[in-house]
Amino acid sequence: MKKISLYIGAASVVLLLGACGNSGSAEQDSTQQNDGVVHISSVDSDAEVWDHIANSDAAQEAGLEIEVTEITGGTQSNNAVADGDVDANAFQSIEYLKSYNEESETNLIPIATTYMEPMGLYSDKYDSVEDLPNGSQVALADNPANTARGLRLLESAGLITLEEDFDDGLGTPDDIAENPKNLEFSLIDDLTGPRVLSDLDLIPISNTVALEGGLNVLEDAIYHEEVNDDNKGNFNIIAVQEGREDEEDLQKLGEIYHDPEIQEYIDEEFEGTKVEVDESIDEVWGGIK
């Protein structure tokens, strides 16, 4: 497995955060646009994928030089795109991007779909959602997009019913309309999910976190999302600054991602859990934003 070609440490992340709030500056917007390299930020397993892409035949054939920057933290990665410190990022779902735009009053734009990693419901104590007893302890990820996504997954599994106006980007347990099993909810750092399974009855865990904790959503979850239009808010995307979405080199990122050899690598490396999604971004984004 190749190492990330460039790593931004804590001090650099602080500098990125300090740059926030001036994303409209023409000087900042051009920071990474004129050196002949496409700079893309990513994190964890997605950074591994993009490091592989950067060194692939597909990138070479497209005439694209890609530099991958690993920035820990979704907000920091989006700030880096908004401030022009990188050209694009690839790590987040449509709903995550929507939440970021709403909370930061920024307008990043998705230019291509990439994949969906099904979120799963995991339990060390029970083999099915039907086995959960009254008053079960359920932990949700303590970030807006994954809190809402976990609740929506619990509804899909038939455990709760959400209010009709539930916000898939910002919804909370306060938006539960019916809770027949009297599930009790707590919020945890989503990175800790696999480590605290034995302390709780049920945890919705995103696939990136699950894989890093030795869990495969297709094999170990007692229930998981399906990749379909009902879950299009959970499709992952490549995001750029508004106004840059038609740039040819940035458009090539999506094309390269869906190259068959790249997809073969991803499928083998991540045991089929990064399910390819190659949909029209206009149709997907237009139905969400």
C-alpha atoms as a PDB file:
ATOM      1  CA  MET A   1       0.000   0.000   0.000  1.00  0.00           C
ATOM      2  CA  LYS A   2       1.534   3.296  -1.069  1.00  0.00           C
ATOM      3  CA  LYS A   3       2.105   6.125   1.341  1.00  0.00           C
ATOM      4  CA  ILE A   4       0.309   9.421   0.913  1.00  0.00           C
ATOM      5  CA  SER A   5       2.461  11.700  -1.177  1.00  0.00           C
ATOM      6  CA  LEU A   6       2.065  14.709   1.106  1.00  0.00           C
ATOM      7  CA  TYR A   7       0.917  14.899   4.692  1.00  0.00           C
ATOM      8  CA  ILE A   8      -0.271  18.058   6.396  1.00  0.00           C
ATOM      9  CA  GLY A   9       0.447  17.976  10.098  1.00  0.00           C
ATOM     10  CA  ALA A  10      -1.283  19.709  12.958  1.00  0.00           C
ATOM     11  CA  ALA A  11       0.476  23.019  12.432  1.00  0.00           C
ATOM     12  CA  SER A  12      -0.571  23.104   8.787  1.00  0.00           C
ATOM     13  CA  VAL A  13      -4.164  22.298   9.671  1.00  0.00           C
ATOM     14  CA  VAL A  14      -4.144  25.266  12.041  1.00  0.00           C
ATOM     15  CA  LEU A  15      -2.929  27.446   9.200  1.00  0.00           C
ATOM     16  CA  LEU A  16      -5.736  26.147   7.018  1.00  0.00           C
ATOM     17  CA  LEU A  17      -8.305  26.922   9.670  1.00  0.00           C
ATOM     18  CA  GLY A  18      -6.865  30.392  10.110  1.00  0.00           C
ATOM     19  CA  ALA A  19      -7.391  31.028   6.419  1.00  0.00           C
ATOM     20  CA  CYS A  20     -11.159  30.405   6.602  1.00  0.00           C
ATOM     21  CA  GLY A  21     -13.594  33.170   5.884  1.00  0.00           C
ATOM     22  CA  ASN A  22     -11.785  34.642   2.886  1.00  0.00           C
ATOM     23  CA  SER A  23     -12.702  32.086   0.244  1.00  0.00           C
ATOM     24  CA  GLY A  24     -13.879  34.785  -2.118  1.00  0.00           C
ATOM     25  CA  SER A  25     -10.361  36.208  -2.556  1.00  0.00           C
ATOM     26  CA  ALA A  26      -9.098  35.911  -6.105  1.00  0.00           C
ATOM     27  CA  GLU A  27      -5.541  35.604  -4.791  1.00  0.00           C
ATOM     28  CA  GLN A  28      -6.466  32.629  -2.603  1.00  0.00           C
ATOM     29  CA  ASP A  29      -8.587  31.028  -5.302  1.00  0.00           C
ATOM     30  CA  SER A  30      -5.582  30.858  -7.597  1.00  0.00           C
ATOM     31  CA  THR A  31      -3.225  29.379  -4.998  1.00  0.00           C
ATOM     32  CA  GLN A  32      -3.189  25.891  -6.461  1.00  0.00           C
ATOM     33  CA  GLN A  33      -4.499  26.491  -9.971  1.00  0.00           C
ATOM     34  CA  ASN A  34      -1.438  27.525 -11.919  1.00  0.00           C
ATOM     35  CA  ASP A  35       1.315  25.013 -11.187  1.00  0.00           C
ATOM     36  CA  GLY A  36       0.164  22.316 -13.619  1.00  0.00           C
ATOM     37  CA  VAL A  37      -0.824  19.950 -10.798  1.00  0.00           C
ATOM     38  CA  VAL A  38      -4.297  19.065  -9.550  1.00  0.00           C
ATOM     39  CA  HIS A  39      -4.205  19.125  -5.751  1.00  0.00           C
ATOM     40  CA  ILE A  40      -6.816  16.918  -4.104  1.00  0.00           C
ATOM     41  CA  SER A  41      -7.322  16.436  -0.376  1.00  0.00           C
ATOM     42  CA  SER A  42      -8.657  13.265   1.138  1.00  0.00           C
ATOM     43  CA  VAL A  43      -8.466  11.207   4.298  1.00  0.00           C
ATOM     44  CA  ASP A  44      -7.887   7.646   5.503  1.00  0.00           C
ATOM     45  CA  SER A  45      -8.908   4.949   3.002  1.00  0.00           C
ATOM     46  CA  ASP A  46     -10.001   7.527   0.434  1.00  0.00           C
ATOM     47  CA  ALA A  47      -6.529   9.061   0.531  1.00  0.00           C
ATOM     48  CA  GLU A  48      -5.112   5.592  -0.206  1.00  0.00           C
ATOM     49  CA  VAL A  49      -7.402   5.324  -3.225  1.00  0.00           C
ATOM     50  CA  TRP A  50      -6.373   8.713  -4.565  1.00  0.00           C
ATOM     51  CA  ASP A  51      -2.692   8.032  -3.991  1.00  0.00           C
ATOM     52  CA  HIS A  52      -3.158   4.916  -6.107  1.00  0.00           C
ATOM     53  CA  ILE A  53      -5.005   6.957  -8.754  1.00  0.00           C
ATOM     54  CA  ALA A  54      -2.227   9.571  -8.774  1.00  0.00           C
ATOM     55  CA  ASN A  55       0.262   6.875  -9.741  1.00  0.00           C
ATOM     56  CA  SER A  56      -2.012   5.043 -12.171  1.00  0.00           C
ATOM     57  CA  ASP A  57      -1.847   4.540 -15.925  1.00  0.00           C
ATOM     58  CA  ALA A  58      -5.301   6.140 -16.134  1.00  0.00           C
ATOM     59  CA  ALA A  59      -3.999   9.432 -14.720  1.00  0.00           C
ATOM     60  CA  GLN A  60      -0.976   9.327 -17.006  1.00  0.00           C
ATOM     61  CA  GLU A  61      -3.117   8.632 -20.079  1.00  0.00           C
ATOM     62  CA  ALA A  62      -5.371  11.564 -19.131  1.00  0.00           C
ATOM     63  CA  GLY A  63      -2.312  13.812 -18.909  1.00  0.00           C
ATOM     64  CA  LEU A  64      -3.118  14.645 -15.308  1.00  0.00           C
ATOM     65  CA  GLU A  65      -0.574  15.113 -12.539  1.00  0.00           C
ATOM     66  CA  ILE A  66      -2.312  14.642  -9.184  1.00  0.00           C
ATOM     67  CA  GLU A  67      -0.929  15.470  -5.762  1.00  0.00           C
ATOM     68  CA  VAL A  68      -2.764  13.994  -2.794  1.00  0.00           C
ATOM     69  CA  THR A  69      -2.866  15.866   0.490  1.00  0.00           C
ATOM     70  CA  GLU A  70      -4.195  14.119   3.582  1.00  0.00           C
ATOM     71  CA  ILE A  71      -6.043  16.555   5.829  1.00  0.00           C
ATOM     72  CA  THR A  72      -7.551  15.037   8.940  1.00  0.00           C
ATOM     73  CA  GLY A  73     -11.096  16.254   9.519  1.00  0.00           C
ATOM     74  CA  GLY A  74     -13.925  16.858   7.089  1.00  0.00           C
ATOM     75  CA  THR A  75     -14.401  20.522   7.978  1.00  0.00           C
ATOM     76  CA  GLN A  76     -10.695  21.242   7.520  1.00  0.00           C
ATOM     77  CA  SER A  77     -10.699  19.491   4.149  1.00  0.00           C
ATOM     78  CA  ASN A  78     -13.703  21.481   2.962  1.00  0.00           C
ATOM     79  CA  ASN A  79     -12.155  24.702   4.271  1.00  0.00           C
ATOM     80  CA  ALA A  80      -9.036  23.949   2.228  1.00  0.00           C
ATOM     81  CA  VAL A  81     -11.133  23.693  -0.947  1.00  0.00           C
ATOM     82  CA  ALA A  82     -13.144  26.804  -0.102  1.00  0.00           C
ATOM     83  CA  ASP A  83      -9.949  28.792   0.525  1.00  0.00           C
ATOM     84  CA  GLY A  84      -8.223  27.584  -2.643  1.00  0.00           C
ATOM     85  CA  ASP A  85      -5.481  25.701  -0.794  1.00  0.00           C
ATOM     86  CA  VAL A  86      -6.408  22.574  -2.754  1.00  0.00           C
ATOM     87  CA  ASP A  87      -8.385  22.212  -5.966  1.00  0.00           C
ATOM     88  CA  ALA A  88     -10.798  19.475  -4.889  1.00  0.00           C
ATOM     89  CA  ASN A  89     -11.506  16.928  -2.216  1.00  0.00           C
ATOM     90  CA  ALA A  90     -12.883  13.406  -2.192  1.00  0.00           C
ATOM     91  CA  PHE A  91     -14.029  11.903   1.094  1.00  0.00           C
ATOM     92  CA  GLN A  92     -17.605  12.980   1.812  1.00  0.00           C
ATOM     93  CA  SER A  93     -21.205  12.146   1.038  1.00  0.00           C
ATOM     94  CA  ILE A  94     -23.660  14.527  -0.574  1.00  0.00           C
ATOM     95  CA  GLU A  95     -25.472  15.025   2.746  1.00  0.00           C
ATOM     96  CA  TYR A  96     -22.191  15.801   4.510  1.00  0.00           C
ATOM     97  CA  LEU A  97     -21.401  18.437   1.885  1.00  0.00           C
ATOM     98  CA  LYS A  98     -24.902  19.860   2.163  1.00  0.00           C
ATOM     99  CA  SER A  99     -24.507  20.162   5.956  1.00  0.00           C
ATOM    100  CA  TYR A 100     -21.111  21.829   5.566  1.00  0.00           C
ATOM    101  CA  ASN A 101     -22.483  24.373   3.095  1.00  0.00           C
ATOM    102  CA  GLU A 102     -25.405  25.203   5.378  1.00  0.00           C
ATOM    103  CA  GLU A 103     -23.328  25.529   8.540  1.00  0.00           C
ATOM    104  CA  SER A 104     -20.428  27.455   6.980  1.00  0.00           C
ATOM    105  CA  GLU A 105     -22.483  29.537   4.528  1.00  0.00           C
ATOM    106  CA  THR A 106     -20.124  28.290   1.827  1.00  0.00           C
ATOM    107  CA  ASN A 107     -21.113  26.775  -1.494  1.00  0.00           C
ATOM    108  CA  LEU A 108     -18.868  23.921  -2.551  1.00  0.00           C
ATOM    109  CA  ILE A 109     -20.103  22.032  -5.595  1.00  0.00           C
ATOM    110  CA  PRO A 110     -19.960  18.278  -6.308  1.00  0.00           C
ATOM    111  CA  ILE A 111     -18.667  17.458  -9.788  1.00  0.00           C
ATOM    112  CA  ALA A 112     -18.880  13.644  -9.830  1.00  0.00           C
ATOM    113  CA  THR A 113     -20.214  10.730  -7.841  1.00  0.00           C
ATOM    114  CA  THR A 114     -17.702   8.106  -6.770  1.00  0.00           C
ATOM    115  CA  TYR A 115     -19.086   5.377  -4.520  1.00  0.00           C
ATOM    116  CA  MET A 116     -21.308   4.588  -1.600  1.00  0.00           C
ATOM    117  CA  GLU A 117     -20.139   2.751   1.485  1.00  0.00           C
ATOM    118  CA  PRO A 118     -23.225   1.282   3.146  1.00  0.00           C
ATOM    119  CA  MET A 119     -23.580   2.232   6.790  1.00  0.00           C
ATOM    120  CA  GLY A 120     -24.312  -0.779   8.955  1.00  0.00           C
ATOM    121  CA  LEU A 121     -25.969  -1.537  12.273  1.00  0.00           C
ATOM    122  CA  TYR A 122     -23.567  -3.518  14.449  1.00  0.00           C
ATOM    123  CA  SER A 123     -24.074  -5.454  17.648  1.00  0.00           C
ATOM    124  CA  ASP A 124     -21.908  -7.796  19.694  1.00  0.00           C
ATOM    125  CA  LYS A 125     -24.975  -8.992  21.606  1.00  0.00           C
ATOM    126  CA  TYR A 126     -27.728  -9.593  19.058  1.00  0.00           C
ATOM    127  CA  ASP A 127     -27.901 -11.284  15.669  1.00  0.00           C
ATOM    128  CA  SER A 128     -30.812  -9.317  14.218  1.00  0.00           C
ATOM    129  CA  VAL A 129     -32.656  -6.059  14.800  1.00  0.00           C
ATOM    130  CA  GLU A 130     -35.714  -8.075  15.796  1.00  0.00           C
ATOM    131  CA  ASP A 131     -33.789  -9.449  18.788  1.00  0.00           C
ATOM    132  CA  LEU A 132     -33.174  -6.028  20.342  1.00  0.00           C
ATOM    133  CA  PRO A 133     -34.979  -5.811  23.689  1.00  0.00           C
ATOM    134  CA  ASN A 134     -36.936  -2.883  25.075  1.00  0.00           C
ATOM    135  CA  GLY A 135     -34.736  -0.060  26.308  1.00  0.00           C
ATOM    136  CA  SER A 136     -31.675  -1.047  24.256  1.00  0.00           C
ATOM    137  CA  GLN A 137     -28.732   1.329  24.367  1.00  0.00           C
ATOM    138  CA  VAL A 138     -27.952   2.788  20.937  1.00  0.00           C
ATOM    139  CA  ALA A 139     -24.988   5.083  20.185  1.00  0.00           C
ATOM    140  CA  LEU A 140     -24.950   7.532  17.283  1.00  0.00           C
ATOM    141  CA  ALA A 141     -21.986   9.297  15.699  1.00  0.00           C
ATOM    142  CA  ASP A 142     -21.502  12.772  17.146  1.00  0.00           C
ATOM    143  CA  ASN A 143     -21.437  14.690  13.871  1.00  0.00           C
ATOM    144  CA  PRO A 144     -24.550  16.056  12.141  1.00  0.00           C
ATOM    145  CA  ALA A 145     -24.482  14.112   8.871  1.00  0.00           C
ATOM    146  CA  ASN A 146     -23.770  10.732  10.471  1.00  0.00           C
ATOM    147  CA  THR A 147     -26.171  11.310  13.369  1.00  0.00           C
ATOM    148  CA  ALA A 148     -28.957  11.876  10.854  1.00  0.00           C
ATOM    149  CA  ARG A 149     -27.796   9.017   8.652  1.00  0.00           C
ATOM    150  CA  GLY A 150     -27.760   6.609  11.592  1.00  0.00           C
ATOM    151  CA  LEU A 151     -31.289   7.615  12.543  1.00  0.00           C
ATOM    152  CA  ARG A 152     -32.480   7.129   8.978  1.00  0.00           C
ATOM    153  CA  LEU A 153     -30.887   3.662   8.967  1.00  0.00           C
ATOM    154  CA  LEU A 154     -32.661   2.774  12.214  1.00  0.00           C
ATOM    155  CA  GLU A 155     -35.926   3.842  10.602  1.00  0.00           C
ATOM    156  CA  SER A 156     -35.188   1.722   7.535  1.00  0.00           C
ATOM    157  CA  ALA A 157     -34.621  -1.246   9.852  1.00  0.00           C
ATOM    158  CA  GLY A 158     -38.084  -0.714  11.355  1.00  0.00           C
ATOM    159  CA  LEU A 159     -36.845   0.318  14.809  1.00  0.00           C
ATOM    160  CA  ILE A 160     -38.080   3.930  14.858  1.00  0.00           C
ATOM    161  CA  THR A 161     -40.195   6.346  12.849  1.00  0.00           C
ATOM    162  CA  LEU A 162     -38.907   9.845  12.116  1.00  0.00           C
ATOM    163  CA  GLU A 163     -40.877  13.063  11.740  1.00  0.00           C
ATOM    164  CA  GLU A 164     -42.037  13.797   8.196  1.00  0.00           C
ATOM    165  CA  ASP A 165     -39.851  16.912   8.009  1.00  0.00           C
ATOM    166  CA  PHE A 166     -36.731  15.083   9.223  1.00  0.00           C
ATOM    167  CA  ASP A 167     -33.559  16.771   7.928  1.00  0.00           C
ATOM    168  CA  ASP A 168     -31.201  14.143   6.488  1.00  0.00           C
ATOM    169  CA  GLY A 169     -28.255  16.451   7.049  1.00  0.00           C
ATOM    170  CA  LEU A 170     -28.984  17.802  10.527  1.00  0.00           C
ATOM    171  CA  GLY A 171     -31.646  15.586  12.131  1.00  0.00           C
ATOM    172  CA  THR A 172     -31.277  14.469  15.767  1.00  0.00           C
ATOM    173  CA  PRO A 173     -32.969  11.986  18.132  1.00  0.00           C
ATOM    174  CA  ASP A 174     -35.384  14.802  19.040  1.00  0.00           C
ATOM    175  CA  ASP A 175     -36.896  14.231  15.594  1.00  0.00           C
ATOM    176  CA  ILE A 176     -38.057  10.700  16.389  1.00  0.00           C
ATOM    177  CA  ALA A 177     -41.850  10.420  16.112  1.00  0.00           C
ATOM    178  CA  GLU A 178     -42.220   6.799  17.262  1.00  0.00           C
ATOM    179  CA  ASN A 179     -39.861   4.653  19.313  1.00  0.00           C
ATOM    180  CA  PRO A 180     -41.735   1.411  20.062  1.00  0.00           C
ATOM    181  CA  LYS A 181     -38.757  -0.336  21.667  1.00  0.00           C
ATOM    182  CA  ASN A 182     -37.963   2.715  23.832  1.00  0.00           C
ATOM    183  CA  LEU A 183     -34.415   2.790  22.516  1.00  0.00           C
ATOM    184  CA  GLU A 184     -32.102   5.002  24.552  1.00  0.00           C
ATOM    185  CA  PHE A 185     -29.677   7.156  22.578  1.00  0.00           C
ATOM    186  CA  SER A 186     -26.247   8.573  23.266  1.00  0.00           C
ATOM    187  CA  LEU A 187     -23.686  10.334  21.077  1.00  0.00           C
ATOM    188  CA  ILE A 188     -20.111   9.112  20.686  1.00  0.00           C
ATOM    189  CA  ASP A 189     -17.067  10.054  18.647  1.00  0.00           C
ATOM    190  CA  ASP A 190     -17.805   8.050  15.498  1.00  0.00           C
ATOM    191  CA  LEU A 191     -14.198   6.807  15.310  1.00  0.00           C
ATOM    192  CA  THR A 192     -14.713   4.859  18.547  1.00  0.00           C
ATOM    193  CA  GLY A 193     -17.697   2.794  17.347  1.00  0.00           C
ATOM    194  CA  PRO A 194     -15.934  -0.554  16.821  1.00  0.00           C
ATOM    195  CA  ARG A 195     -14.097  -0.252  20.157  1.00  0.00           C
ATOM    196  CA  VAL A 196     -17.208   0.282  22.274  1.00  0.00           C
ATOM    197  CA  LEU A 197     -19.504  -2.321  20.698  1.00  0.00           C
ATOM    198  CA  SER A 198     -19.326  -4.539  23.770  1.00  0.00           C
ATOM    199  CA  ASP A 199     -20.552  -1.674  25.975  1.00  0.00           C
ATOM    200  CA  LEU A 200     -23.716  -0.995  23.986  1.00  0.00           C
ATOM    201  CA  ASP A 201     -26.520  -2.902  22.308  1.00  0.00           C
ATOM    202  CA  LEU A 202     -26.413  -1.362  18.842  1.00  0.00           C
ATOM    203  CA  ILE A 203     -24.285   1.158  16.932  1.00  0.00           C
ATOM    204  CA  PRO A 204     -24.667   2.485  13.387  1.00  0.00           C
ATOM    205  CA  ILE A 205     -21.098   2.694  12.055  1.00  0.00           C
ATOM    206  CA  SER A 206     -19.897   4.211   8.792  1.00  0.00           C
ATOM    207  CA  ASN A 207     -17.971   1.800   6.602  1.00  0.00           C
ATOM    208  CA  THR A 208     -14.636   3.635   6.701  1.00  0.00           C
ATOM    209  CA  VAL A 209     -14.641   3.434  10.492  1.00  0.00           C
ATOM    210  CA  ALA A 210     -15.901  -0.150  10.407  1.00  0.00           C
ATOM    211  CA  LEU A 211     -13.124  -1.289   8.056  1.00  0.00           C
ATOM    212  CA  GLU A 212     -10.466   0.323  10.194  1.00  0.00           C
ATOM    213  CA  GLY A 213     -11.956  -1.527  13.167  1.00  0.00           C
ATOM    214  CA  GLY A 214     -11.806  -4.884  11.374  1.00  0.00           C
ATOM    215  CA  LEU A 215     -15.491  -4.994  10.395  1.00  0.00           C
ATOM    216  CA  ASN A 216     -16.950  -5.650   6.954  1.00  0.00           C
ATOM    217  CA  VAL A 217     -20.407  -4.142   6.539  1.00  0.00           C
ATOM    218  CA  LEU A 218     -21.477  -6.845   4.084  1.00  0.00           C
ATOM    219  CA  GLU A 219     -20.534  -9.637   6.494  1.00  0.00           C
ATOM    220  CA  ASP A 220     -20.597  -8.308  10.052  1.00  0.00           C
ATOM    221  CA  ALA A 221     -23.472  -5.827  10.202  1.00  0.00           C
ATOM    222  CA  ILE A 222     -26.852  -7.166  11.297  1.00  0.00           C
ATOM    223  CA  TYR A 223     -28.484  -4.661   8.925  1.00  0.00           C
ATOM    224  CA  HIS A 224     -27.082  -2.253   6.338  1.00  0.00           C
ATOM    225  CA  GLU A 225     -28.074   0.328   3.755  1.00  0.00           C
ATOM    226  CA  GLU A 226     -28.799  -0.592   0.170  1.00  0.00           C
ATOM    227  CA  VAL A 227     -27.201   1.345  -2.673  1.00  0.00           C
ATOM    228  CA  ASN A 228     -30.238   2.852  -4.382  1.00  0.00           C
ATOM    229  CA  ASP A 229     -32.011   6.153  -5.035  1.00  0.00           C
ATOM    230  CA  ASP A 230     -33.474   6.160  -1.528  1.00  0.00           C
ATOM    231  CA  ASN A 231     -29.929   6.590  -0.233  1.00  0.00           C
ATOM    232  CA  LYS A 232     -28.547   8.973  -2.863  1.00  0.00           C
ATOM    233  CA  GLY A 233     -27.744  11.514  -0.143  1.00  0.00           C
ATOM    234  CA  ASN A 234     -25.117   9.008   1.000  1.00  0.00           C
ATOM    235  CA  PHE A 235     -23.392   8.819  -2.380  1.00  0.00           C
ATOM    236  CA  ASN A 236     -19.818  10.047  -2.077  1.00  0.00           C
ATOM    237  CA  ILE A 237     -18.615  12.779  -4.371  1.00  0.00           C
ATOM    238  CA  ILE A 238     -15.705  14.918  -5.557  1.00  0.00           C
ATOM    239  CA  ALA A 239     -16.203  18.546  -4.475  1.00  0.00           C
ATOM    240  CA  VAL A 240     -14.729  21.826  -5.757  1.00  0.00           C
ATOM    241  CA  GLN A 241     -15.211  25.562  -5.329  1.00  0.00           C
ATOM    242  CA  GLU A 242     -18.308  27.009  -6.926  1.00  0.00           C
ATOM    243  CA  GLY A 243     -17.286  28.432 -10.282  1.00  0.00           C
ATOM    244  CA  ARG A 244     -14.630  25.782 -10.944  1.00  0.00           C
ATOM    245  CA  GLU A 245     -16.960  22.872 -11.664  1.00  0.00           C
ATOM    246  CA  ASP A 246     -16.486  23.033 -15.456  1.00  0.00           C
ATOM    247  CA  GLU A 247     -12.673  23.089 -15.455  1.00  0.00           C
ATOM    248  CA  GLU A 248     -11.418  20.315 -17.711  1.00  0.00           C
ATOM    249  CA  ASP A 249      -8.707  18.969 -15.385  1.00  0.00           C
ATOM    250  CA  LEU A 250     -11.118  18.785 -12.471  1.00  0.00           C
ATOM    251  CA  GLN A 251     -13.719  17.005 -14.590  1.00  0.00           C
ATOM    252  CA  LYS A 252     -11.063  14.421 -15.436  1.00  0.00           C
ATOM    253  CA  LEU A 253     -10.911  13.385 -11.770  1.00  0.00           C
ATOM    254  CA  GLY A 254     -14.338  11.771 -11.987  1.00  0.00           C
ATOM    255  CA  GLU A 255     -13.542  10.099 -15.302  1.00  0.00           C
ATOM    256  CA  ILE A 256     -10.323   8.615 -13.954  1.00  0.00           C
ATOM    257  CA  TYR A 257     -11.994   7.398 -10.763  1.00  0.00           C
ATOM    258  CA  HIS A 258     -14.376   5.252 -12.825  1.00  0.00           C
ATOM    259  CA  ASP A 259     -11.639   3.715 -14.968  1.00  0.00           C
ATOM    260  CA  PRO A 260     -12.142  -0.105 -14.896  1.00  0.00           C
ATOM    261  CA  GLU A 261      -8.624  -0.797 -13.616  1.00  0.00           C
ATOM    262  CA  ILE A 262      -9.081   1.705 -10.796  1.00  0.00           C
ATOM    263  CA  GLN A 263     -12.382   0.082  -9.884  1.00  0.00           C
ATOM    264  CA  GLU A 264     -10.778  -3.347  -9.858  1.00  0.00           C
ATOM    265  CA  TYR A 265      -8.158  -2.105  -7.394  1.00  0.00           C
ATOM    266  CA  ILE A 266     -10.799  -0.503  -5.134  1.00  0.00           C
ATOM    267  CA  ASP A 267     -12.983  -3.609  -5.139  1.00  0.00           C
ATOM    268  CA  GLU A 268     -10.094  -5.880  -4.190  1.00  0.00           C
ATOM    269  CA  GLU A 269      -8.520  -3.529  -1.655  1.00  0.00           C
ATOM    270  CA  PHE A 270     -11.745  -2.772   0.233  1.00  0.00           C
ATOM    271  CA  GLU A 271     -13.504  -6.119  -0.067  1.00  0.00           C
ATOM    272  CA  GLY A 272     -16.376  -4.792  -2.148  1.00  0.00           C
ATOM    273  CA  THR A 273     -17.530  -2.309   0.476  1.00  0.00           C
ATOM    274  CA  LYS A 274     -16.904   0.817  -1.630  1.00  0.00           C
ATOM    275  CA  VAL A 275     -19.726   0.242  -4.095  1.00  0.00           C
ATOM    276  CA  GLU A 276     -19.196   2.207  -7.303  1.00  0.00           C
ATOM    277  CA  VAL A 277     -21.765   4.919  -8.042  1.00  0.00           C
ATOM    278  CA  ASP A 278     -21.475   6.491 -11.492  1.00  0.00           C
ATOM    279  CA  GLU A 279     -24.564   8.695 -11.695  1.00  0.00           C
ATOM    280  CA  SER A 280     -25.252  12.084 -13.265  1.00  0.00           C
ATOM    281  CA  ILE A 281     -24.219  14.627 -10.653  1.00  0.00           C
ATOM    282  CA  ASP A 282     -26.820  17.088 -11.923  1.00  0.00           C
ATOM    283  CA  GLU A 283     -29.630  14.642 -11.204  1.00  0.00           C
ATOM    284  CA  VAL A 284     -28.256  13.553  -7.839  1.00  0.00           C
ATOM    285  CA  TRP A 285     -27.294  17.000  -6.508  1.00  0.00           C
ATOM    286  CA  GLY A 286     -30.368  18.664  -7.943  1.00  0.00           C
ATOM    287  CA  GLY A 287     -32.598  16.342  -5.964  1.00  0.00           C
ATOM    288  CA  ILE A 288     -30.763  16.975  -2.675  1.00  0.00           C
ATOM    289  CA  LYS A 289     -29.692  20.602  -2.357  1.00  0.00           C
END
